[in-house]
């Protein structure tokens, strides 16, 4: 993968960035997340938006990696939300799985095996 600074297309693209979601994918916006949440019967709260930001930030920090490791992402989310109860808190927010369902809301491709029910997330 190309580093952001070496991809001329990313550098020259005129894009308005939502200041609350600086690491959002280019084709993502809040309305898209709200539409998905409505379809999945989730009422978005501040906690959901914080999880979306955390996922987008994690993906941005690991954009040069060939693939996202679901275990490392799981551990990073658990650590980020430790004060609120960690991964248990995230399962309350995302009953379809904090990685699989969270990535859908964040406009990100879930890592391989994140939607495997035996892994602990469902699609």
PDB file of N, CA and C in Angstrom:
ATOM      1  N   UNK A   1       0.833  -1.189   0.000  1.00  0.00           N
ATOM      2  CA  UNK A   1       0.000   0.000   0.000  1.00  0.00           C
ATOM      3  C   UNK A   1       0.876   1.249   0.000  1.00  0.00           C
ATOM      4  N   UNK A   2       0.394   2.267  -0.630  1.00  0.00           N
ATOM      5  CA  UNK A   2       1.136   3.528  -0.645  1.00  0.00           C
ATOM      6  C   UNK A   2       0.883   4.307   0.629  1.00  0.00           C
ATOM      7  N   UNK A   3       1.899   4.953   1.104  1.00  0.00           N
ATOM      8  CA  UNK A   3       1.739   5.848   2.234  1.00  0.00           C
ATOM      9  C   UNK A   3       0.973   7.074   1.740  1.00  0.00           C
ATOM     10  N   UNK A   4       0.149   7.662   2.611  1.00  0.00           N
ATOM     11  CA  UNK A   4      -0.685   8.800   2.210  1.00  0.00           C
ATOM     12  C   UNK A   4       0.137   9.903   1.565  1.00  0.00           C
ATOM     13  N   UNK A   5       1.287  10.202   2.154  1.00  0.00           N
ATOM     14  CA  UNK A   5       2.077  11.313   1.634  1.00  0.00           C
ATOM     15  C   UNK A   5       2.683  11.004   0.267  1.00  0.00           C
ATOM     16  N   UNK A   6       2.742   9.723  -0.117  1.00  0.00           N
ATOM     17  CA  UNK A   6       3.312   9.394  -1.413  1.00  0.00           C
ATOM     18  C   UNK A   6       2.244   9.191  -2.490  1.00  0.00           C
ATOM     19  N   UNK A   7       0.988   9.280  -2.137  1.00  0.00           N
ATOM     20  CA  UNK A   7      -0.097   9.126  -3.103  1.00  0.00           C
ATOM     21  C   UNK A   7      -0.568  10.510  -3.524  1.00  0.00           C
ATOM     22  N   UNK A   8      -0.170  10.945  -4.712  1.00  0.00           N
ATOM     23  CA  UNK A   8      -0.467  12.288  -5.199  1.00  0.00           C
ATOM     24  C   UNK A   8      -1.971  12.526  -5.309  1.00  0.00           C
ATOM     25  N   UNK A   9      -2.737  11.483  -5.615  1.00  0.00           N
ATOM     26  CA  UNK A   9      -4.184  11.638  -5.719  1.00  0.00           C
ATOM     27  C   UNK A   9      -4.807  12.032  -4.381  1.00  0.00           C
ATOM     28  N   UNK A  10      -4.314  11.454  -3.296  1.00  0.00           N
ATOM     29  CA  UNK A  10      -4.846  11.804  -1.984  1.00  0.00           C
ATOM     30  C   UNK A  10      -4.421  13.220  -1.574  1.00  0.00           C
ATOM     31  N   UNK A  11      -3.251  13.615  -2.006  1.00  0.00           N
ATOM     32  CA  UNK A  11      -2.757  14.934  -1.638  1.00  0.00           C
ATOM     33  C   UNK A  11      -3.480  16.058  -2.375  1.00  0.00           C
ATOM     34  N   UNK A  12      -3.884  15.802  -3.608  1.00  0.00           N
ATOM     35  CA  UNK A  12      -4.471  16.867  -4.415  1.00  0.00           C
ATOM     36  C   UNK A  12      -5.993  16.870  -4.410  1.00  0.00           C
ATOM     37  N   UNK A  13      -6.614  15.854  -3.864  1.00  0.00           N
ATOM     38  CA  UNK A  13      -8.063  15.751  -3.857  1.00  0.00           C
ATOM     39  C   UNK A  13      -8.669  16.832  -2.963  1.00  0.00           C
ATOM     40  N   UNK A  14      -9.641  17.561  -3.497  1.00  0.00           N
ATOM     41  CA  UNK A  14     -10.355  18.570  -2.723  1.00  0.00           C
ATOM     42  C   UNK A  14     -11.448  17.870  -1.943  1.00  0.00           C
ATOM     43  N   UNK A  15     -11.313  17.834  -0.642  1.00  0.00           N
ATOM     44  CA  UNK A  15     -12.232  17.072   0.195  1.00  0.00           C
ATOM     45  C   UNK A  15     -12.526  17.855   1.460  1.00  0.00           C
ATOM     46  N   UNK A  16     -13.792  17.972   1.762  1.00  0.00           N
ATOM     47  CA  UNK A  16     -14.138  18.611   3.026  1.00  0.00           C
ATOM     48  C   UNK A  16     -14.146  17.537   4.102  1.00  0.00           C
ATOM     49  N   UNK A  17     -13.468  17.802   5.191  1.00  0.00           N
ATOM     50  CA  UNK A  17     -13.320  16.841   6.270  1.00  0.00           C
ATOM     51  C   UNK A  17     -14.173  17.283   7.445  1.00  0.00           C
ATOM     52  N   UNK A  18     -14.978  16.363   7.949  1.00  0.00           N
ATOM     53  CA  UNK A  18     -15.757  16.628   9.151  1.00  0.00           C
ATOM     54  C   UNK A  18     -14.768  16.725  10.309  1.00  0.00           C
ATOM     55  N   UNK A  19     -14.701  17.856  11.002  1.00  0.00           N
ATOM     56  CA  UNK A  19     -13.708  18.013  12.066  1.00  0.00           C
ATOM     57  C   UNK A  19     -13.864  17.006  13.207  1.00  0.00           C
ATOM     58  N   UNK A  20     -15.058  16.466  13.389  1.00  0.00           N
ATOM     59  CA  UNK A  20     -15.254  15.471  14.449  1.00  0.00           C
ATOM     60  C   UNK A  20     -14.826  14.069  14.010  1.00  0.00           C
ATOM     61  N   UNK A  21     -14.635  13.884  12.703  1.00  0.00           N
ATOM     62  CA  UNK A  21     -14.237  12.593  12.151  1.00  0.00           C
ATOM     63  C   UNK A  21     -13.097  12.788  11.156  1.00  0.00           C
ATOM     64  N   UNK A  22     -11.938  13.219  11.639  1.00  0.00           N
ATOM     65  CA  UNK A  22     -10.836  13.554  10.728  1.00  0.00           C
ATOM     66  C   UNK A  22     -10.253  12.359   9.986  1.00  0.00           C
ATOM     67  N   UNK A  23     -10.487  11.144  10.465  1.00  0.00           N
ATOM     68  CA  UNK A  23      -9.908   9.959   9.832  1.00  0.00           C
ATOM     69  C   UNK A  23     -10.945   9.152   9.054  1.00  0.00           C
ATOM     70  N   UNK A  24     -12.092   9.755   8.787  1.00  0.00           N
ATOM     71  CA  UNK A  24     -13.162   9.055   8.076  1.00  0.00           C
ATOM     72  C   UNK A  24     -12.752   8.733   6.645  1.00  0.00           C
ATOM     73  N   UNK A  25     -13.215   7.598   6.127  1.00  0.00           N
ATOM     74  CA  UNK A  25     -12.967   7.306   4.708  1.00  0.00           C
ATOM     75  C   UNK A  25     -13.588   8.393   3.830  1.00  0.00           C
ATOM     76  N   UNK A  26     -13.042   8.568   2.656  1.00  0.00           N
ATOM     77  CA  UNK A  26     -13.489   9.650   1.771  1.00  0.00           C
ATOM     78  C   UNK A  26     -14.961   9.575   1.407  1.00  0.00           C
ATOM     79  N   UNK A  27     -15.489   8.385   1.254  1.00  0.00           N
ATOM     80  CA  UNK A  27     -16.875   8.239   0.828  1.00  0.00           C
ATOM     81  C   UNK A  27     -17.851   8.091   2.003  1.00  0.00           C
ATOM     82  N   UNK A  28     -17.410   8.371   3.213  1.00  0.00           N
ATOM     83  CA  UNK A  28     -18.231   8.220   4.417  1.00  0.00           C
ATOM     84  C   UNK A  28     -18.738   9.572   4.892  1.00  0.00           C
ATOM     85  N   UNK A  29     -19.955   9.591   5.421  1.00  0.00           N
ATOM     86  CA  UNK A  29     -20.465  10.759   6.147  1.00  0.00           C
ATOM     87  C   UNK A  29     -21.430  10.274   7.221  1.00  0.00           C
ATOM     88  N   UNK A  30     -21.797  11.160   8.117  1.00  0.00           N
ATOM     89  CA  UNK A  30     -22.664  10.796   9.240  1.00  0.00           C
ATOM     90  C   UNK A  30     -24.003  10.234   8.773  1.00  0.00           C
ATOM     91  N   UNK A  31     -24.526  10.804   7.696  1.00  0.00           N
ATOM     92  CA  UNK A  31     -25.830  10.345   7.204  1.00  0.00           C
ATOM     93  C   UNK A  31     -25.762   8.880   6.790  1.00  0.00           C
ATOM     94  N   UNK A  32     -24.656   8.499   6.171  1.00  0.00           N
ATOM     95  CA  UNK A  32     -24.466   7.098   5.772  1.00  0.00           C
ATOM     96  C   UNK A  32     -24.513   6.197   7.012  1.00  0.00           C
ATOM     97  N   UNK A  33     -23.824   6.593   8.074  1.00  0.00           N
ATOM     98  CA  UNK A  33     -23.819   5.820   9.320  1.00  0.00           C
ATOM     99  C   UNK A  33     -25.219   5.776   9.935  1.00  0.00           C
ATOM    100  N   UNK A  34     -25.926   6.883   9.896  1.00  0.00           N
ATOM    101  CA  UNK A  34     -27.280   6.924  10.458  1.00  0.00           C
ATOM    102  C   UNK A  34     -28.221   6.020   9.669  1.00  0.00           C
ATOM    103  N   UNK A  35     -28.063   5.970   8.362  1.00  0.00           N
ATOM    104  CA  UNK A  35     -28.894   5.091   7.532  1.00  0.00           C
ATOM    105  C   UNK A  35     -28.637   3.623   7.876  1.00  0.00           C
ATOM    106  N   UNK A  36     -27.388   3.263   8.037  1.00  0.00           N
ATOM    107  CA  UNK A  36     -27.044   1.884   8.400  1.00  0.00           C
ATOM    108  C   UNK A  36     -27.583   1.565   9.788  1.00  0.00           C
ATOM    109  N   UNK A  37     -27.403   2.477  10.721  1.00  0.00           N
ATOM    110  CA  UNK A  37     -27.890   2.261  12.082  1.00  0.00           C
ATOM    111  C   UNK A  37     -29.409   2.076  12.097  1.00  0.00           C
ATOM    112  N   UNK A  38     -30.106   2.887  11.352  1.00  0.00           N
ATOM    113  CA  UNK A  38     -31.566   2.776  11.284  1.00  0.00           C
ATOM    114  C   UNK A  38     -31.962   1.409  10.731  1.00  0.00           C
ATOM    115  N   UNK A  39     -31.285   0.968   9.686  1.00  0.00           N
ATOM    116  CA  UNK A  39     -31.575  -0.337   9.083  1.00  0.00           C
ATOM    117  C   UNK A  39     -31.282  -1.485  10.054  1.00  0.00           C
ATOM    118  N   UNK A  40     -30.310  -1.295  10.924  1.00  0.00           N
ATOM    119  CA  UNK A  40     -29.933  -2.332  11.891  1.00  0.00           C
ATOM    120  C   UNK A  40     -30.574  -2.099  13.261  1.00  0.00           C
ATOM    121  N   UNK A  41     -31.515  -1.151  13.307  1.00  0.00           N
ATOM    122  CA  UNK A  41     -32.279  -0.833  14.519  1.00  0.00           C
ATOM    123  C   UNK A  41     -31.395  -0.441  15.705  1.00  0.00           C
ATOM    124  N   UNK A  42     -30.453   0.441  15.424  1.00  0.00           N
ATOM    125  CA  UNK A  42     -29.568   0.985  16.453  1.00  0.00           C
ATOM    126  C   UNK A  42     -29.839   2.474  16.561  1.00  0.00           C
ATOM    127  N   UNK A  43     -30.055   2.953  17.785  1.00  0.00           N
ATOM    128  CA  UNK A  43     -30.209   4.388  18.027  1.00  0.00           C
ATOM    129  C   UNK A  43     -28.828   4.921  18.401  1.00  0.00           C
ATOM    130  N   UNK A  44     -28.251   5.727  17.532  1.00  0.00           N
ATOM    131  CA  UNK A  44     -26.887   6.207  17.742  1.00  0.00           C
ATOM    132  C   UNK A  44     -26.803   7.180  18.908  1.00  0.00           C
ATOM    133  N   UNK A  45     -25.819   6.936  19.767  1.00  0.00           N
ATOM    134  CA  UNK A  45     -25.548   7.783  20.924  1.00  0.00           C
ATOM    135  C   UNK A  45     -24.129   8.321  20.809  1.00  0.00           C
ATOM    136  N   UNK A  46     -23.746   9.149  21.765  1.00  0.00           N
ATOM    137  CA  UNK A  46     -22.363   9.646  21.793  1.00  0.00           C
ATOM    138  C   UNK A  46     -21.364   8.492  21.871  1.00  0.00           C
ATOM    139  N   UNK A  47     -21.730   7.424  22.574  1.00  0.00           N
ATOM    140  CA  UNK A  47     -20.853   6.259  22.670  1.00  0.00           C
ATOM    141  C   UNK A  47     -20.612   5.599  21.323  1.00  0.00           C
ATOM    142  N   UNK A  48     -21.658   5.516  20.507  1.00  0.00           N
ATOM    143  CA  UNK A  48     -21.510   4.958  19.165  1.00  0.00           C
ATOM    144  C   UNK A  48     -20.560   5.818  18.321  1.00  0.00           C
ATOM    145  N   UNK A  49     -20.761   7.133  18.385  1.00  0.00           N
ATOM    146  CA  UNK A  49     -19.910   8.028  17.593  1.00  0.00           C
ATOM    147  C   UNK A  49     -18.460   7.935  18.057  1.00  0.00           C
ATOM    148  N   UNK A  50     -18.237   7.789  19.356  1.00  0.00           N
ATOM    149  CA  UNK A  50     -16.869   7.647  19.859  1.00  0.00           C
ATOM    150  C   UNK A  50     -16.245   6.358  19.334  1.00  0.00           C
ATOM    151  N   UNK A  51     -17.025   5.295  19.273  1.00  0.00           N
ATOM    152  CA  UNK A  51     -16.521   4.031  18.731  1.00  0.00           C
ATOM    153  C   UNK A  51     -16.204   4.170  17.241  1.00  0.00           C
ATOM    154  N   UNK A  52     -17.043   4.879  16.509  1.00  0.00           N
ATOM    155  CA  UNK A  52     -16.787   5.125  15.081  1.00  0.00           C
ATOM    156  C   UNK A  52     -15.476   5.885  14.918  1.00  0.00           C
ATOM    157  N   UNK A  53     -15.281   6.929  15.726  1.00  0.00           N
ATOM    158  CA  UNK A  53     -14.021   7.687  15.662  1.00  0.00           C
ATOM    159  C   UNK A  53     -12.826   6.800  15.996  1.00  0.00           C
ATOM    160  N   UNK A  54     -12.974   5.953  17.030  1.00  0.00           N
ATOM    161  CA  UNK A  54     -11.874   5.066  17.434  1.00  0.00           C
ATOM    162  C   UNK A  54     -11.526   4.086  16.319  1.00  0.00           C
ATOM    163  N   UNK A  55     -12.532   3.528  15.670  1.00  0.00           N
ATOM    164  CA  UNK A  55     -12.286   2.600  14.558  1.00  0.00           C
ATOM    165  C   UNK A  55     -11.610   3.313  13.393  1.00  0.00           C
ATOM    166  N   UNK A  56     -12.123   4.467  13.029  1.00  0.00           N
ATOM    167  CA  UNK A  56     -11.537   5.217  11.912  1.00  0.00           C
ATOM    168  C   UNK A  56     -10.103   5.624  12.219  1.00  0.00           C
ATOM    169  N   UNK A  57      -9.844   6.011  13.442  1.00  0.00           N
ATOM    170  CA  UNK A  57      -8.491   6.396  13.846  1.00  0.00           C
ATOM    171  C   UNK A  57      -7.549   5.193  13.792  1.00  0.00           C
ATOM    172  N   UNK A  58      -8.011   4.059  14.284  1.00  0.00           N
ATOM    173  CA  UNK A  58      -7.181   2.852  14.259  1.00  0.00           C
ATOM    174  C   UNK A  58      -6.820   2.490  12.809  1.00  0.00           C
ATOM    175  N   UNK A  59      -7.821   2.489  11.938  1.00  0.00           N
ATOM    176  CA  UNK A  59      -7.564   2.167  10.529  1.00  0.00           C
ATOM    177  C   UNK A  59      -6.601   3.182   9.907  1.00  0.00           C
ATOM    178  N   UNK A  60      -6.737   4.443  10.249  1.00  0.00           N
ATOM    179  CA  UNK A  60      -5.835   5.465   9.700  1.00  0.00           C
ATOM    180  C   UNK A  60      -4.395   5.230  10.159  1.00  0.00           C
ATOM    181  N   UNK A  61      -4.223   4.839  11.422  1.00  0.00           N
ATOM    182  CA  UNK A  61      -2.876   4.573  11.941  1.00  0.00           C
ATOM    183  C   UNK A  61      -2.260   3.313  11.327  1.00  0.00           C
ATOM    184  N   UNK A  62      -3.082   2.419  10.823  1.00  0.00           N
ATOM    185  CA  UNK A  62      -2.596   1.151  10.272  1.00  0.00           C
ATOM    186  C   UNK A  62      -2.832   1.035   8.767  1.00  0.00           C
ATOM    187  N   UNK A  63      -2.968   2.161   8.093  1.00  0.00           N
ATOM    188  CA  UNK A  63      -3.296   2.133   6.664  1.00  0.00           C
ATOM    189  C   UNK A  63      -2.197   1.537   5.795  1.00  0.00           C
ATOM    190  N   UNK A  64      -0.985   1.516   6.270  1.00  0.00           N
ATOM    191  CA  UNK A  64       0.116   0.976   5.479  1.00  0.00           C
ATOM    192  C   UNK A  64       0.250  -0.545   5.612  1.00  0.00           C
ATOM    193  N   UNK A  65      -0.539  -1.129   6.503  1.00  0.00           N
ATOM    194  CA  UNK A  65      -0.484  -2.574   6.697  1.00  0.00           C
ATOM    195  C   UNK A  65      -1.336  -3.260   5.640  1.00  0.00           C
ATOM    196  N   UNK A  66      -0.905  -4.419   5.209  1.00  0.00           N
ATOM    197  CA  UNK A  66      -1.629  -5.152   4.167  1.00  0.00           C
ATOM    198  C   UNK A  66      -3.022  -5.547   4.635  1.00  0.00           C
ATOM    199  N   UNK A  67      -3.154  -5.910   5.910  1.00  0.00           N
ATOM    200  CA  UNK A  67      -4.468  -6.246   6.453  1.00  0.00           C
ATOM    201  C   UNK A  67      -4.505  -5.920   7.938  1.00  0.00           C
ATOM    202  N   UNK A  68      -5.705  -5.680   8.412  1.00  0.00           N
ATOM    203  CA  UNK A  68      -5.917  -5.357   9.828  1.00  0.00           C
ATOM    204  C   UNK A  68      -6.046  -6.656  10.605  1.00  0.00           C
ATOM    205  N   UNK A  69      -5.329  -6.759  11.703  1.00  0.00           N
ATOM    206  CA  UNK A  69      -5.399  -7.927  12.564  1.00  0.00           C
ATOM    207  C   UNK A  69      -6.593  -7.757  13.510  1.00  0.00           C
ATOM    208  N   UNK A  70      -7.614  -8.620  13.417  1.00  0.00           N
ATOM    209  CA  UNK A  70      -8.805  -8.435  14.255  1.00  0.00           C
ATOM    210  C   UNK A  70      -8.518  -8.530  15.748  1.00  0.00           C
ATOM    211  N   UNK A  71      -7.573  -9.357  16.142  1.00  0.00           N
ATOM    212  CA  UNK A  71      -7.247  -9.490  17.575  1.00  0.00           C
ATOM    213  C   UNK A  71      -6.619  -8.192  18.087  1.00  0.00           C
ATOM    214  N   UNK A  72      -5.723  -7.599  17.308  1.00  0.00           N
ATOM    215  CA  UNK A  72      -5.108  -6.335  17.722  1.00  0.00           C
ATOM    216  C   UNK A  72      -6.140  -5.218  17.760  1.00  0.00           C
ATOM    217  N   UNK A  73      -7.049  -5.193  16.799  1.00  0.00           N
ATOM    218  CA  UNK A  73      -8.116  -4.190  16.794  1.00  0.00           C
ATOM    219  C   UNK A  73      -9.013  -4.375  18.009  1.00  0.00           C
ATOM    220  N   UNK A  74      -9.371  -5.614  18.308  1.00  0.00           N
ATOM    221  CA  UNK A  74     -10.186  -5.940  19.481  1.00  0.00           C
ATOM    222  C   UNK A  74      -9.512  -5.420  20.748  1.00  0.00           C
ATOM    223  N   UNK A  75      -8.225  -5.700  20.889  1.00  0.00           N
ATOM    224  CA  UNK A  75      -7.484  -5.262  22.078  1.00  0.00           C
ATOM    225  C   UNK A  75      -7.380  -3.739  22.147  1.00  0.00           C
ATOM    226  N   UNK A  76      -7.196  -3.086  21.001  1.00  0.00           N
ATOM    227  CA  UNK A  76      -7.118  -1.619  20.984  1.00  0.00           C
ATOM    228  C   UNK A  76      -8.452  -1.002  21.408  1.00  0.00           C
ATOM    229  N   UNK A  77      -9.559  -1.562  20.933  1.00  0.00           N
ATOM    230  CA  UNK A  77     -10.877  -1.065  21.335  1.00  0.00           C
ATOM    231  C   UNK A  77     -11.122  -1.309  22.816  1.00  0.00           C
ATOM    232  N   UNK A  78     -10.726  -2.484  23.289  1.00  0.00           N
ATOM    233  CA  UNK A  78     -10.882  -2.808  24.711  1.00  0.00           C
ATOM    234  C   UNK A  78     -10.121  -1.808  25.571  1.00  0.00           C
ATOM    235  N   UNK A  79      -8.917  -1.468  25.147  1.00  0.00           N
ATOM    236  CA  UNK A  79      -8.105  -0.504  25.890  1.00  0.00           C
ATOM    237  C   UNK A  79      -8.698   0.909  25.803  1.00  0.00           C
ATOM    238  N   UNK A  80      -9.130   1.304  24.610  1.00  0.00           N
ATOM    239  CA  UNK A  80      -9.678   2.649  24.418  1.00  0.00           C
ATOM    240  C   UNK A  80     -10.917   2.872  25.286  1.00  0.00           C
ATOM    241  N   UNK A  81     -11.736   1.845  25.435  1.00  0.00           N
ATOM    242  CA  UNK A  81     -12.988   1.966  26.190  1.00  0.00           C
ATOM    243  C   UNK A  81     -12.909   1.316  27.570  1.00  0.00           C
ATOM    244  N   UNK A  82     -11.698   1.161  28.076  1.00  0.00           N
ATOM    245  CA  UNK A  82     -11.492   0.522  29.371  1.00  0.00           C
ATOM    246  C   UNK A  82     -12.302   1.177  30.491  1.00  0.00           C
ATOM    247  N   UNK A  83     -12.298   2.479  30.545  1.00  0.00           N
ATOM    248  CA  UNK A  83     -12.991   3.201  31.620  1.00  0.00           C
ATOM    249  C   UNK A  83     -14.508   2.972  31.589  1.00  0.00           C
ATOM    250  N   UNK A  84     -15.044   2.682  30.405  1.00  0.00           N
ATOM    251  CA  UNK A  84     -16.485   2.464  30.275  1.00  0.00           C
ATOM    252  C   UNK A  84     -16.860   0.988  30.397  1.00  0.00           C
ATOM    253  N   UNK A  85     -15.887   0.116  30.505  1.00  0.00           N
ATOM    254  CA  UNK A  85     -16.167  -1.307  30.605  1.00  0.00           C
ATOM    255  C   UNK A  85     -15.546  -2.126  29.485  1.00  0.00           C
ATOM    256  N   UNK A  86     -14.758  -1.466  28.656  1.00  0.00           N
ATOM    257  CA  UNK A  86     -14.031  -2.168  27.601  1.00  0.00           C
ATOM    258  C   UNK A  86     -14.931  -2.784  26.558  1.00  0.00           C
ATOM    259  N   UNK A  87     -14.568  -3.974  26.141  1.00  0.00           N
ATOM    260  CA  UNK A  87     -15.262  -4.635  25.036  1.00  0.00           C
ATOM    261  C   UNK A  87     -16.697  -4.985  25.416  1.00  0.00           C
ATOM    262  N   UNK A  88     -16.954  -5.216  26.705  1.00  0.00           N
ATOM    263  CA  UNK A  88     -18.334  -5.500  27.146  1.00  0.00           C
ATOM    264  C   UNK A  88     -19.229  -4.298  26.866  1.00  0.00           C
ATOM    265  N   UNK A  89     -18.720  -3.114  27.120  1.00  0.00           N
ATOM    266  CA  UNK A  89     -19.455  -1.878  26.820  1.00  0.00           C
ATOM    267  C   UNK A  89     -19.752  -1.794  25.329  1.00  0.00           C
ATOM    268  N   UNK A  90     -18.792  -2.150  24.511  1.00  0.00           N
ATOM    269  CA  UNK A  90     -18.972  -2.076  23.061  1.00  0.00           C
ATOM    270  C   UNK A  90     -20.012  -3.078  22.562  1.00  0.00           C
ATOM    271  N   UNK A  91     -20.098  -4.247  23.193  1.00  0.00           N
ATOM    272  CA  UNK A  91     -21.131  -5.209  22.802  1.00  0.00           C
ATOM    273  C   UNK A  91     -22.527  -4.703  23.162  1.00  0.00           C
ATOM    274  N   UNK A  92     -22.628  -3.867  24.181  1.00  0.00           N
ATOM    275  CA  UNK A  92     -23.922  -3.248  24.491  1.00  0.00           C
ATOM    276  C   UNK A  92     -24.292  -2.234  23.414  1.00  0.00           C
ATOM    277  N   UNK A  93     -23.299  -1.524  22.905  1.00  0.00           N
ATOM    278  CA  UNK A  93     -23.543  -0.557  21.839  1.00  0.00           C
ATOM    279  C   UNK A  93     -23.806  -1.245  20.500  1.00  0.00           C
ATOM    280  N   UNK A  94     -23.033  -2.299  20.226  1.00  0.00           N
ATOM    281  CA  UNK A  94     -23.098  -2.990  18.941  1.00  0.00           C
ATOM    282  C   UNK A  94     -23.412  -4.468  19.165  1.00  0.00           C
ATOM    283  N   UNK A  95     -24.682  -4.814  19.300  1.00  0.00           N
ATOM    284  CA  UNK A  95     -25.021  -6.225  19.536  1.00  0.00           C
ATOM    285  C   UNK A  95     -24.613  -7.142  18.389  1.00  0.00           C
ATOM    286  N   UNK A  96     -24.394  -6.587  17.203  1.00  0.00           N
ATOM    287  CA  UNK A  96     -23.915  -7.365  16.062  1.00  0.00           C
ATOM    288  C   UNK A  96     -22.410  -7.528  16.060  1.00  0.00           C
ATOM    289  N   UNK A  97     -21.752  -7.106  17.114  1.00  0.00           N
ATOM    290  CA  UNK A  97     -20.298  -7.215  17.226  1.00  0.00           C
ATOM    291  C   UNK A  97     -19.639  -5.864  17.042  1.00  0.00           C
ATOM    292  N   UNK A  98     -18.817  -5.453  17.991  1.00  0.00           N
ATOM    293  CA  UNK A  98     -18.196  -4.127  17.901  1.00  0.00           C
ATOM    294  C   UNK A  98     -17.288  -3.951  16.701  1.00  0.00           C
ATOM    295  N   UNK A  99     -16.693  -5.016  16.218  1.00  0.00           N
ATOM    296  CA  UNK A  99     -15.819  -4.871  15.054  1.00  0.00           C
ATOM    297  C   UNK A  99     -16.637  -4.922  13.767  1.00  0.00           C
ATOM    298  N   UNK A 100     -17.421  -5.972  13.587  1.00  0.00           N
ATOM    299  CA  UNK A 100     -18.178  -6.130  12.339  1.00  0.00           C
ATOM    300  C   UNK A 100     -19.208  -5.013  12.165  1.00  0.00           C
ATOM    301  N   UNK A 101     -20.048  -4.825  13.157  1.00  0.00           N
ATOM    302  CA  UNK A 101     -21.092  -3.805  13.041  1.00  0.00           C
ATOM    303  C   UNK A 101     -20.506  -2.403  13.151  1.00  0.00           C
ATOM    304  N   UNK A 102     -19.522  -2.227  14.019  1.00  0.00           N
ATOM    305  CA  UNK A 102     -18.870  -0.933  14.160  1.00  0.00           C
ATOM    306  C   UNK A 102     -18.193  -0.488  12.870  1.00  0.00           C
ATOM    307  N   UNK A 103     -17.529  -1.420  12.207  1.00  0.00           N
ATOM    308  CA  UNK A 103     -16.866  -1.093  10.932  1.00  0.00           C
ATOM    309  C   UNK A 103     -17.888  -0.695   9.870  1.00  0.00           C
ATOM    310  N   UNK A 104     -19.031  -1.369   9.833  1.00  0.00           N
ATOM    311  CA  UNK A 104     -20.066  -0.980   8.869  1.00  0.00           C
ATOM    312  C   UNK A 104     -20.489   0.465   9.092  1.00  0.00           C
ATOM    313  N   UNK A 105     -20.725   0.838  10.349  1.00  0.00           N
ATOM    314  CA  UNK A 105     -21.142   2.202  10.661  1.00  0.00           C
ATOM    315  C   UNK A 105     -20.035   3.213  10.373  1.00  0.00           C
ATOM    316  N   UNK A 106     -18.788   2.787  10.533  1.00  0.00           N
ATOM    317  CA  UNK A 106     -17.641   3.684  10.324  1.00  0.00           C
ATOM    318  C   UNK A 106     -17.228   3.769   8.864  1.00  0.00           C
ATOM    319  N   UNK A 107     -17.866   2.999   8.004  1.00  0.00           N
ATOM    320  CA  UNK A 107     -17.514   3.024   6.588  1.00  0.00           C
ATOM    321  C   UNK A 107     -16.232   2.281   6.281  1.00  0.00           C
ATOM    322  N   UNK A 108     -15.907   1.290   7.100  1.00  0.00           N
ATOM    323  CA  UNK A 108     -14.658   0.547   6.957  1.00  0.00           C
ATOM    324  C   UNK A 108     -14.932  -0.909   6.625  1.00  0.00           C
ATOM    325  N   UNK A 109     -13.986  -1.541   5.975  1.00  0.00           N
ATOM    326  CA  UNK A 109     -14.102  -2.965   5.693  1.00  0.00           C
ATOM    327  C   UNK A 109     -13.639  -3.723   6.934  1.00  0.00           C
ATOM    328  N   UNK A 110     -14.520  -4.548   7.464  1.00  0.00           N
ATOM    329  CA  UNK A 110     -14.164  -5.330   8.651  1.00  0.00           C
ATOM    330  C   UNK A 110     -13.034  -6.294   8.315  1.00  0.00           C
ATOM    331  N   UNK A 111     -12.130  -6.518   9.258  1.00  0.00           N
ATOM    332  CA  UNK A 111     -11.033  -7.449   9.003  1.00  0.00           C
ATOM    333  C   UNK A 111     -11.555  -8.872   8.773  1.00  0.00           C
ATOM    334  N   UNK A 112     -10.766  -9.651   8.077  1.00  0.00           N
ATOM    335  CA  UNK A 112     -11.088 -11.046   7.822  1.00  0.00           C
ATOM    336  C   UNK A 112     -11.414 -11.751   9.130  1.00  0.00           C
ATOM    337  N   UNK A 113     -12.452 -12.523   9.136  1.00  0.00           N
ATOM    338  CA  UNK A 113     -12.922 -13.319  10.283  1.00  0.00           C
ATOM    339  C   UNK A 113     -13.658 -12.496  11.338  1.00  0.00           C
ATOM    340  N   UNK A 114     -13.829 -11.207  11.149  1.00  0.00           N
ATOM    341  CA  UNK A 114     -14.534 -10.404  12.148  1.00  0.00           C
ATOM    342  C   UNK A 114     -16.020 -10.699  12.163  1.00  0.00           C
ATOM    343  N   UNK A 115     -16.532 -11.299  11.115  1.00  0.00           N
ATOM    344  CA  UNK A 115     -17.956 -11.607  11.086  1.00  0.00           C
ATOM    345  C   UNK A 115     -18.221 -13.091  11.296  1.00  0.00           C
ATOM    346  N   UNK A 116     -17.232 -13.833  11.757  1.00  0.00           N
ATOM    347  CA  UNK A 116     -17.391 -15.250  12.056  1.00  0.00           C
ATOM    348  C   UNK A 116     -18.020 -15.394  13.436  1.00  0.00           C
ATOM    349  N   UNK A 117     -19.206 -15.988  13.555  1.00  0.00           N
ATOM    350  CA  UNK A 117     -19.861 -16.119  14.863  1.00  0.00           C
ATOM    351  C   UNK A 117     -18.994 -16.815  15.907  1.00  0.00           C
ATOM    352  N   UNK A 118     -18.113 -17.719  15.505  1.00  0.00           N
ATOM    353  CA  UNK A 118     -17.257 -18.397  16.479  1.00  0.00           C
ATOM    354  C   UNK A 118     -16.181 -17.464  17.024  1.00  0.00           C
ATOM    355  N   UNK A 119     -15.937 -16.346  16.333  1.00  0.00           N
ATOM    356  CA  UNK A 119     -14.939 -15.361  16.776  1.00  0.00           C
ATOM    357  C   UNK A 119     -15.544 -14.405  17.805  1.00  0.00           C
ATOM    358  N   UNK A 120     -16.873 -14.321  17.852  1.00  0.00           N
ATOM    359  CA  UNK A 120     -17.516 -13.456  18.822  1.00  0.00           C
ATOM    360  C   UNK A 120     -18.207 -12.273  18.192  1.00  0.00           C
ATOM    361  N   UNK A 121     -18.196 -12.147  16.897  1.00  0.00           N
ATOM    362  CA  UNK A 121     -18.906 -11.085  16.208  1.00  0.00           C
ATOM    363  C   UNK A 121     -19.823 -11.709  15.174  1.00  0.00           C
ATOM    364  N   UNK A 122     -20.931 -11.081  14.967  1.00  0.00           N
ATOM    365  CA  UNK A 122     -21.851 -11.552  13.939  1.00  0.00           C
ATOM    366  C   UNK A 122     -22.108 -10.426  12.977  1.00  0.00           C
ATOM    367  N   UNK A 123     -22.425 -10.771  11.751  1.00  0.00           N
ATOM    368  CA  UNK A 123     -22.683  -9.732  10.752  1.00  0.00           C
ATOM    369  C   UNK A 123     -24.128  -9.414  10.731  1.00  0.00           C
TER     370      UNK A 123
END
